[in-house]
Amino acid sequence: MDDKATSPSGWRGSRDGWLEAGYRALIDGGVDAVKIMPLAKHLGLSRTSFYWFFQDREALLAALLDGWHARTTLPLIAATRHYAETQAEAMLNVIGCFLSADTFDSRLEFAIRSWALQDPAVADRVSAADARRLDALRDMLMSWGHDPMAADVRARTVYLVQIGYISMQSSEDLQTRLTRIPSYVAIYTGTPPQPREIARFNARFQGGGAP
């Protein structure tokens, strides 16, 4: 047995462990499920051990919001800046970001948006994230020659469709999603993807599951 577990102060866990427990509670039960005592019980730790890592529950919630930013907004902005030889390929980079839980945590996004319905401060943060994401999409489209108004409308079309999938908790299977993606790309950009581009894109996701 680990000496740390048998020390007089007991095992306190880790900051990452508490964060992971808070994350799981948030996506499974909403923000009201993120409470110190239930998390401690789940981890098999004392309630007081929480305070070695966080000042209070609000500090944990703030850290979860920071994690949401890192798991959603930052990867999406990065995807709009990935190298692409064509604008269809650039849009596939964006769509691919939404398709992978490694680059866009859809369950966390849903939980945060649900939380925002009851917390104005969180709603403000979601609105700010929406603006940053839309700006990145618009800038990407403008870089491919769309005028500002067209780029803005296309960016909103891309974004609202993808957030709609999340908000509606769509059960669309991955294969169905993949068959629709060439048409989405053509609508979003005005340029249909080449077969080779779709083949490369599909190869990244075959065998997985839609978020």
C-alpha atoms as a PDB file:
ATOM      1  CA  MET A   1       0.000   0.000   0.000  1.00  0.00           C
ATOM      2  CA  ASP A   2       1.156   3.544  -0.767  1.00  0.00           C
ATOM      3  CA  ASP A   3       2.754   5.188   2.292  1.00  0.00           C
ATOM      4  CA  LYS A   4       0.827   8.335   1.446  1.00  0.00           C
ATOM      5  CA  ALA A   5      -2.445   6.486   1.941  1.00  0.00           C
ATOM      6  CA  THR A   6      -1.470   5.438   5.470  1.00  0.00           C
ATOM      7  CA  SER A   7      -0.017   8.756   6.625  1.00  0.00           C
ATOM      8  CA  PRO A   8      -1.741  10.498   9.573  1.00  0.00           C
ATOM      9  CA  SER A   9      -3.172  13.157   7.292  1.00  0.00           C
ATOM     10  CA  GLY A  10      -4.657  10.528   5.004  1.00  0.00           C
ATOM     11  CA  TRP A  11      -4.668  10.462   1.209  1.00  0.00           C
ATOM     12  CA  ARG A  12      -5.850  13.776  -0.218  1.00  0.00           C
ATOM     13  CA  GLY A  13      -6.033  12.749  -3.846  1.00  0.00           C
ATOM     14  CA  SER A  14      -4.945  15.294  -6.446  1.00  0.00           C
ATOM     15  CA  ARG A  15      -6.235  18.435  -8.048  1.00  0.00           C
ATOM     16  CA  ASP A  16      -6.692  16.584 -11.333  1.00  0.00           C
ATOM     17  CA  GLY A  17      -8.620  13.853  -9.545  1.00  0.00           C
ATOM     18  CA  TRP A  18     -11.043  16.337  -8.010  1.00  0.00           C
ATOM     19  CA  LEU A  19     -11.387  18.098 -11.355  1.00  0.00           C
ATOM     20  CA  GLU A  20     -12.146  14.850 -13.157  1.00  0.00           C
ATOM     21  CA  ALA A  21     -14.761  13.952 -10.555  1.00  0.00           C
ATOM     22  CA  GLY A  22     -16.311  17.400 -10.917  1.00  0.00           C
ATOM     23  CA  TYR A  23     -16.275  17.061 -14.695  1.00  0.00           C
ATOM     24  CA  ARG A  24     -18.040  13.696 -14.548  1.00  0.00           C
ATOM     25  CA  ALA A  25     -20.641  15.041 -12.133  1.00  0.00           C
ATOM     26  CA  LEU A  26     -21.253  18.050 -14.349  1.00  0.00           C
ATOM     27  CA  ILE A  27     -21.793  16.130 -17.569  1.00  0.00           C
ATOM     28  CA  ASP A  28     -23.829  13.372 -15.883  1.00  0.00           C
ATOM     29  CA  GLY A  29     -25.984  15.426 -13.529  1.00  0.00           C
ATOM     30  CA  GLY A  30     -25.556  19.105 -14.282  1.00  0.00           C
ATOM     31  CA  VAL A  31     -24.028  21.826 -12.148  1.00  0.00           C
ATOM     32  CA  ASP A  32     -26.246  21.006  -9.153  1.00  0.00           C
ATOM     33  CA  ALA A  33     -24.496  17.632  -8.964  1.00  0.00           C
ATOM     34  CA  VAL A  34     -21.092  19.288  -8.506  1.00  0.00           C
ATOM     35  CA  LYS A  35     -20.980  19.387  -4.712  1.00  0.00           C
ATOM     36  CA  ILE A  36     -18.038  18.758  -2.467  1.00  0.00           C
ATOM     37  CA  MET A  37     -19.447  16.047  -0.209  1.00  0.00           C
ATOM     38  CA  PRO A  38     -20.790  13.795  -2.998  1.00  0.00           C
ATOM     39  CA  LEU A  39     -17.505  14.199  -4.886  1.00  0.00           C
ATOM     40  CA  ALA A  40     -15.529  13.274  -1.774  1.00  0.00           C
ATOM     41  CA  LYS A  41     -17.692  10.198  -1.262  1.00  0.00           C
ATOM     42  CA  HIS A  42     -17.238   9.205  -4.893  1.00  0.00           C
ATOM     43  CA  LEU A  43     -13.459   9.545  -4.581  1.00  0.00           C
ATOM     44  CA  GLY A  44     -13.302   7.848  -1.184  1.00  0.00           C
ATOM     45  CA  LEU A  45     -11.724  10.936   0.352  1.00  0.00           C
ATOM     46  CA  SER A  46     -12.527  13.227   3.242  1.00  0.00           C
ATOM     47  CA  ARG A  47     -14.396  16.453   2.539  1.00  0.00           C
ATOM     48  CA  THR A  48     -11.552  18.478   4.026  1.00  0.00           C
ATOM     49  CA  SER A  49      -9.064  17.079   1.501  1.00  0.00           C
ATOM     50  CA  PHE A  50     -10.872  19.092  -1.169  1.00  0.00           C
ATOM     51  CA  TYR A  51      -9.587  22.307   0.389  1.00  0.00           C
ATOM     52  CA  TRP A  52      -5.970  21.377  -0.225  1.00  0.00           C
ATOM     53  CA  PHE A  53      -6.634  22.019  -3.913  1.00  0.00           C
ATOM     54  CA  PHE A  54      -9.551  24.469  -4.120  1.00  0.00           C
ATOM     55  CA  GLN A  55     -10.579  27.353  -1.906  1.00  0.00           C
ATOM     56  CA  ASP A  56     -14.272  26.505  -2.245  1.00  0.00           C
ATOM     57  CA  ARG A  57     -16.879  25.051  -4.599  1.00  0.00           C
ATOM     58  CA  GLU A  58     -16.821  28.232  -6.688  1.00  0.00           C
ATOM     59  CA  ALA A  59     -13.131  27.705  -7.359  1.00  0.00           C
ATOM     60  CA  LEU A  60     -13.844  24.200  -8.646  1.00  0.00           C
ATOM     61  CA  LEU A  61     -16.639  25.499 -10.860  1.00  0.00           C
ATOM     62  CA  ALA A  62     -14.312  28.173 -12.228  1.00  0.00           C
ATOM     63  CA  ALA A  63     -11.737  25.497 -13.031  1.00  0.00           C
ATOM     64  CA  LEU A  64     -14.392  23.450 -14.834  1.00  0.00           C
ATOM     65  CA  LEU A  65     -15.254  26.479 -16.950  1.00  0.00           C
ATOM     66  CA  ASP A  66     -11.577  26.904 -17.788  1.00  0.00           C
ATOM     67  CA  GLY A  67     -11.482  23.244 -18.780  1.00  0.00           C
ATOM     68  CA  TRP A  68     -14.489  23.737 -21.040  1.00  0.00           C
ATOM     69  CA  HIS A  69     -12.683  26.588 -22.788  1.00  0.00           C
ATOM     70  CA  ALA A  70      -9.633  24.379 -23.295  1.00  0.00           C
ATOM     71  CA  ARG A  71     -11.679  21.409 -24.557  1.00  0.00           C
ATOM     72  CA  THR A  72     -13.893  23.319 -26.984  1.00  0.00           C
ATOM     73  CA  THR A  73     -13.097  26.892 -27.950  1.00  0.00           C
ATOM     74  CA  LEU A  74      -9.314  26.623 -28.256  1.00  0.00           C
ATOM     75  CA  PRO A  75      -9.339  23.463 -30.442  1.00  0.00           C
ATOM     76  CA  LEU A  76     -12.035  24.948 -32.694  1.00  0.00           C
ATOM     77  CA  ILE A  77     -10.095  28.165 -33.205  1.00  0.00           C
ATOM     78  CA  ALA A  78      -6.992  26.091 -33.921  1.00  0.00           C
ATOM     79  CA  ALA A  79      -8.933  24.042 -36.490  1.00  0.00           C
ATOM     80  CA  THR A  80      -9.842  27.203 -38.416  1.00  0.00           C
ATOM     81  CA  ARG A  81      -6.113  27.916 -38.761  1.00  0.00           C
ATOM     82  CA  HIS A  82      -4.894  24.472 -39.782  1.00  0.00           C
ATOM     83  CA  TYR A  83      -3.137  24.207 -43.109  1.00  0.00           C
ATOM     84  CA  ALA A  84      -5.444  23.454 -46.037  1.00  0.00           C
ATOM     85  CA  GLU A  85      -4.865  23.420 -49.788  1.00  0.00           C
ATOM     86  CA  THR A  86      -8.494  24.288 -50.598  1.00  0.00           C
ATOM     87  CA  GLN A  87     -11.332  25.964 -48.758  1.00  0.00           C
ATOM     88  CA  ALA A  88     -13.237  22.681 -48.833  1.00  0.00           C
ATOM     89  CA  GLU A  89     -10.338  21.070 -46.993  1.00  0.00           C
ATOM     90  CA  ALA A  90     -10.290  24.004 -44.545  1.00  0.00           C
ATOM     91  CA  MET A  91     -13.973  23.420 -43.798  1.00  0.00           C
ATOM     92  CA  LEU A  92     -13.363  19.704 -43.367  1.00  0.00           C
ATOM     93  CA  ASN A  93     -10.786  20.610 -40.710  1.00  0.00           C
ATOM     94  CA  VAL A  94     -13.503  22.489 -38.839  1.00  0.00           C
ATOM     95  CA  ILE A  95     -16.121  19.777 -39.200  1.00  0.00           C
ATOM     96  CA  GLY A  96     -13.591  17.178 -38.113  1.00  0.00           C
ATOM     97  CA  CYS A  97     -12.952  19.159 -34.940  1.00  0.00           C
ATOM     98  CA  PHE A  98     -16.621  18.852 -33.986  1.00  0.00           C
ATOM     99  CA  LEU A  99     -16.688  15.140 -34.792  1.00  0.00           C
ATOM    100  CA  SER A 100     -14.007  14.119 -32.304  1.00  0.00           C
ATOM    101  CA  ALA A 101     -14.422  14.217 -28.521  1.00  0.00           C
ATOM    102  CA  ASP A 102     -10.654  14.733 -28.354  1.00  0.00           C
ATOM    103  CA  THR A 103     -10.974  18.130 -30.046  1.00  0.00           C
ATOM    104  CA  PHE A 104     -14.483  19.266 -29.125  1.00  0.00           C
ATOM    105  CA  ASP A 105     -16.071  17.874 -25.965  1.00  0.00           C
ATOM    106  CA  SER A 106     -19.736  17.896 -26.984  1.00  0.00           C
ATOM    107  CA  ARG A 107     -21.017  16.487 -23.703  1.00  0.00           C
ATOM    108  CA  LEU A 108     -19.242  19.200 -21.753  1.00  0.00           C
ATOM    109  CA  GLU A 109     -20.536  21.829 -24.185  1.00  0.00           C
ATOM    110  CA  PHE A 110     -24.104  20.653 -23.571  1.00  0.00           C
ATOM    111  CA  ALA A 111     -23.601  20.698 -19.806  1.00  0.00           C
ATOM    112  CA  ILE A 112     -22.149  24.212 -19.834  1.00  0.00           C
ATOM    113  CA  ARG A 113     -24.965  25.536 -22.015  1.00  0.00           C
ATOM    114  CA  SER A 114     -27.496  23.958 -19.663  1.00  0.00           C
ATOM    115  CA  TRP A 115     -25.721  25.579 -16.708  1.00  0.00           C
ATOM    116  CA  ALA A 116     -25.809  28.926 -18.503  1.00  0.00           C
ATOM    117  CA  LEU A 117     -29.613  28.828 -18.487  1.00  0.00           C
ATOM    118  CA  GLN A 118     -29.585  29.299 -14.715  1.00  0.00           C
ATOM    119  CA  ASP A 119     -26.447  31.394 -14.192  1.00  0.00           C
ATOM    120  CA  PRO A 120     -26.098  34.808 -15.905  1.00  0.00           C
ATOM    121  CA  ALA A 121     -22.321  34.876 -15.381  1.00  0.00           C
ATOM    122  CA  VAL A 122     -21.941  31.545 -17.155  1.00  0.00           C
ATOM    123  CA  ALA A 123     -24.322  32.743 -19.870  1.00  0.00           C
ATOM    124  CA  ASP A 124     -22.030  35.736 -20.419  1.00  0.00           C
ATOM    125  CA  ARG A 125     -19.046  33.439 -20.735  1.00  0.00           C
ATOM    126  CA  VAL A 126     -20.878  31.236 -23.249  1.00  0.00           C
ATOM    127  CA  SER A 127     -21.835  34.315 -25.270  1.00  0.00           C
ATOM    128  CA  ALA A 128     -18.205  35.419 -25.301  1.00  0.00           C
ATOM    129  CA  ALA A 129     -17.117  31.955 -26.478  1.00  0.00           C
ATOM    130  CA  ASP A 130     -19.754  31.982 -29.216  1.00  0.00           C
ATOM    131  CA  ALA A 131     -18.425  35.326 -30.424  1.00  0.00           C
ATOM    132  CA  ARG A 132     -14.810  34.129 -30.473  1.00  0.00           C
ATOM    133  CA  ARG A 133     -15.721  30.950 -32.331  1.00  0.00           C
ATOM    134  CA  LEU A 134     -17.798  32.829 -34.899  1.00  0.00           C
ATOM    135  CA  ASP A 135     -15.011  35.356 -35.394  1.00  0.00           C
ATOM    136  CA  ALA A 136     -12.559  32.546 -36.099  1.00  0.00           C
ATOM    137  CA  LEU A 137     -14.901  30.901 -38.600  1.00  0.00           C
ATOM    138  CA  ARG A 138     -15.624  34.211 -40.322  1.00  0.00           C
ATOM    139  CA  ASP A 139     -11.922  35.047 -40.542  1.00  0.00           C
ATOM    140  CA  MET A 140     -11.206  31.646 -42.069  1.00  0.00           C
ATOM    141  CA  LEU A 141     -13.885  32.133 -44.714  1.00  0.00           C
ATOM    142  CA  MET A 142     -12.697  35.655 -45.490  1.00  0.00           C
ATOM    143  CA  SER A 143      -9.196  34.295 -45.983  1.00  0.00           C
ATOM    144  CA  TRP A 144     -10.650  32.161 -48.782  1.00  0.00           C
ATOM    145  CA  GLY A 145     -12.118  35.175 -50.559  1.00  0.00           C
ATOM    146  CA  HIS A 146     -15.630  35.577 -49.140  1.00  0.00           C
ATOM    147  CA  ASP A 147     -16.694  39.152 -48.493  1.00  0.00           C
ATOM    148  CA  PRO A 148     -17.384  40.066 -44.839  1.00  0.00           C
ATOM    149  CA  MET A 149     -21.178  39.690 -45.023  1.00  0.00           C
ATOM    150  CA  ALA A 150     -21.063  36.376 -46.884  1.00  0.00           C
ATOM    151  CA  ALA A 151     -18.361  35.097 -44.532  1.00  0.00           C
ATOM    152  CA  ASP A 152     -20.434  36.092 -41.500  1.00  0.00           C
ATOM    153  CA  VAL A 153     -23.573  34.347 -42.756  1.00  0.00           C
ATOM    154  CA  ARG A 154     -21.670  31.223 -43.754  1.00  0.00           C
ATOM    155  CA  ALA A 155     -19.871  31.178 -40.389  1.00  0.00           C
ATOM    156  CA  ARG A 156     -23.190  31.384 -38.574  1.00  0.00           C
ATOM    157  CA  THR A 157     -24.601  28.597 -40.720  1.00  0.00           C
ATOM    158  CA  VAL A 158     -21.646  26.349 -39.884  1.00  0.00           C
ATOM    159  CA  TYR A 159     -21.731  27.141 -36.201  1.00  0.00           C
ATOM    160  CA  LEU A 160     -25.461  27.024 -35.591  1.00  0.00           C
ATOM    161  CA  VAL A 161     -25.749  23.672 -37.340  1.00  0.00           C
ATOM    162  CA  GLN A 162     -22.979  22.168 -35.238  1.00  0.00           C
ATOM    163  CA  ILE A 163     -24.278  23.613 -31.962  1.00  0.00           C
ATOM    164  CA  GLY A 164     -27.737  22.429 -33.006  1.00  0.00           C
ATOM    165  CA  TYR A 165     -26.432  18.863 -33.198  1.00  0.00           C
ATOM    166  CA  ILE A 166     -25.176  19.256 -29.622  1.00  0.00           C
ATOM    167  CA  SER A 167     -28.178  21.084 -28.182  1.00  0.00           C
ATOM    168  CA  MET A 168     -30.623  18.602 -29.700  1.00  0.00           C
ATOM    169  CA  GLN A 169     -28.413  15.706 -28.559  1.00  0.00           C
ATOM    170  CA  SER A 170     -28.693  14.253 -32.029  1.00  0.00           C
ATOM    171  CA  SER A 171     -28.488  10.479 -32.213  1.00  0.00           C
ATOM    172  CA  GLU A 172     -27.385  10.535 -35.855  1.00  0.00           C
ATOM    173  CA  ASP A 173     -24.860   7.756 -36.379  1.00  0.00           C
ATOM    174  CA  LEU A 174     -21.410   8.490 -37.711  1.00  0.00           C
ATOM    175  CA  GLN A 175     -21.931   6.877 -41.122  1.00  0.00           C
ATOM    176  CA  THR A 176     -25.022   8.975 -41.762  1.00  0.00           C
ATOM    177  CA  ARG A 177     -23.138  12.092 -40.708  1.00  0.00           C
ATOM    178  CA  LEU A 178     -20.250  11.261 -43.032  1.00  0.00           C
ATOM    179  CA  THR A 179     -22.555  10.822 -46.033  1.00  0.00           C
ATOM    180  CA  ARG A 180     -23.955  14.314 -45.447  1.00  0.00           C
ATOM    181  CA  ILE A 181     -20.649  16.092 -44.985  1.00  0.00           C
ATOM    182  CA  PRO A 182     -19.870  16.708 -48.708  1.00  0.00           C
ATOM    183  CA  SER A 183     -23.192  18.550 -49.026  1.00  0.00           C
ATOM    184  CA  TYR A 184     -22.519  20.495 -45.847  1.00  0.00           C
ATOM    185  CA  VAL A 185     -19.138  21.578 -47.180  1.00  0.00           C
ATOM    186  CA  ALA A 186     -20.675  22.697 -50.479  1.00  0.00           C
ATOM    187  CA  ILE A 187     -23.327  24.734 -48.629  1.00  0.00           C
ATOM    188  CA  TYR A 188     -20.877  26.242 -46.156  1.00  0.00           C
ATOM    189  CA  THR A 189     -18.221  27.238 -48.691  1.00  0.00           C
ATOM    190  CA  GLY A 190     -19.882  27.225 -52.117  1.00  0.00           C
ATOM    191  CA  THR A 191     -17.251  24.706 -53.194  1.00  0.00           C
ATOM    192  CA  PRO A 192     -17.811  20.918 -53.154  1.00  0.00           C
ATOM    193  CA  PRO A 193     -14.959  18.828 -51.772  1.00  0.00           C
ATOM    194  CA  GLN A 194     -12.980  16.629 -54.105  1.00  0.00           C
ATOM    195  CA  PRO A 195     -13.407  12.847 -53.755  1.00  0.00           C
ATOM    196  CA  ARG A 196      -9.818  12.527 -52.544  1.00  0.00           C
ATOM    197  CA  GLU A 197     -10.494  15.105 -49.810  1.00  0.00           C
ATOM    198  CA  ILE A 198     -13.555  13.235 -48.610  1.00  0.00           C
ATOM    199  CA  ALA A 199     -11.681   9.935 -48.756  1.00  0.00           C
ATOM    200  CA  ARG A 200      -8.925  11.311 -46.527  1.00  0.00           C
ATOM    201  CA  PHE A 201     -11.480  12.834 -44.170  1.00  0.00           C
ATOM    202  CA  ASN A 202     -13.548   9.649 -43.863  1.00  0.00           C
ATOM    203  CA  ALA A 203     -10.434   7.602 -43.197  1.00  0.00           C
ATOM    204  CA  ARG A 204      -9.857   9.672 -40.040  1.00  0.00           C
ATOM    205  CA  PHE A 205     -13.227   8.743 -38.542  1.00  0.00           C
ATOM    206  CA  GLN A 206     -14.281   5.342 -39.866  1.00  0.00           C
ATOM    207  CA  GLY A 207     -14.774   2.900 -37.022  1.00  0.00           C
ATOM    208  CA  GLY A 208     -15.553   5.616 -34.451  1.00  0.00           C
ATOM    209  CA  GLY A 209     -18.825   7.024 -33.212  1.00  0.00           C
ATOM    210  CA  ALA A 210     -20.466  10.393 -33.613  1.00  0.00           C
ATOM    211  CA  PRO A 211     -20.524  12.578 -30.517  1.00  0.00           C
END
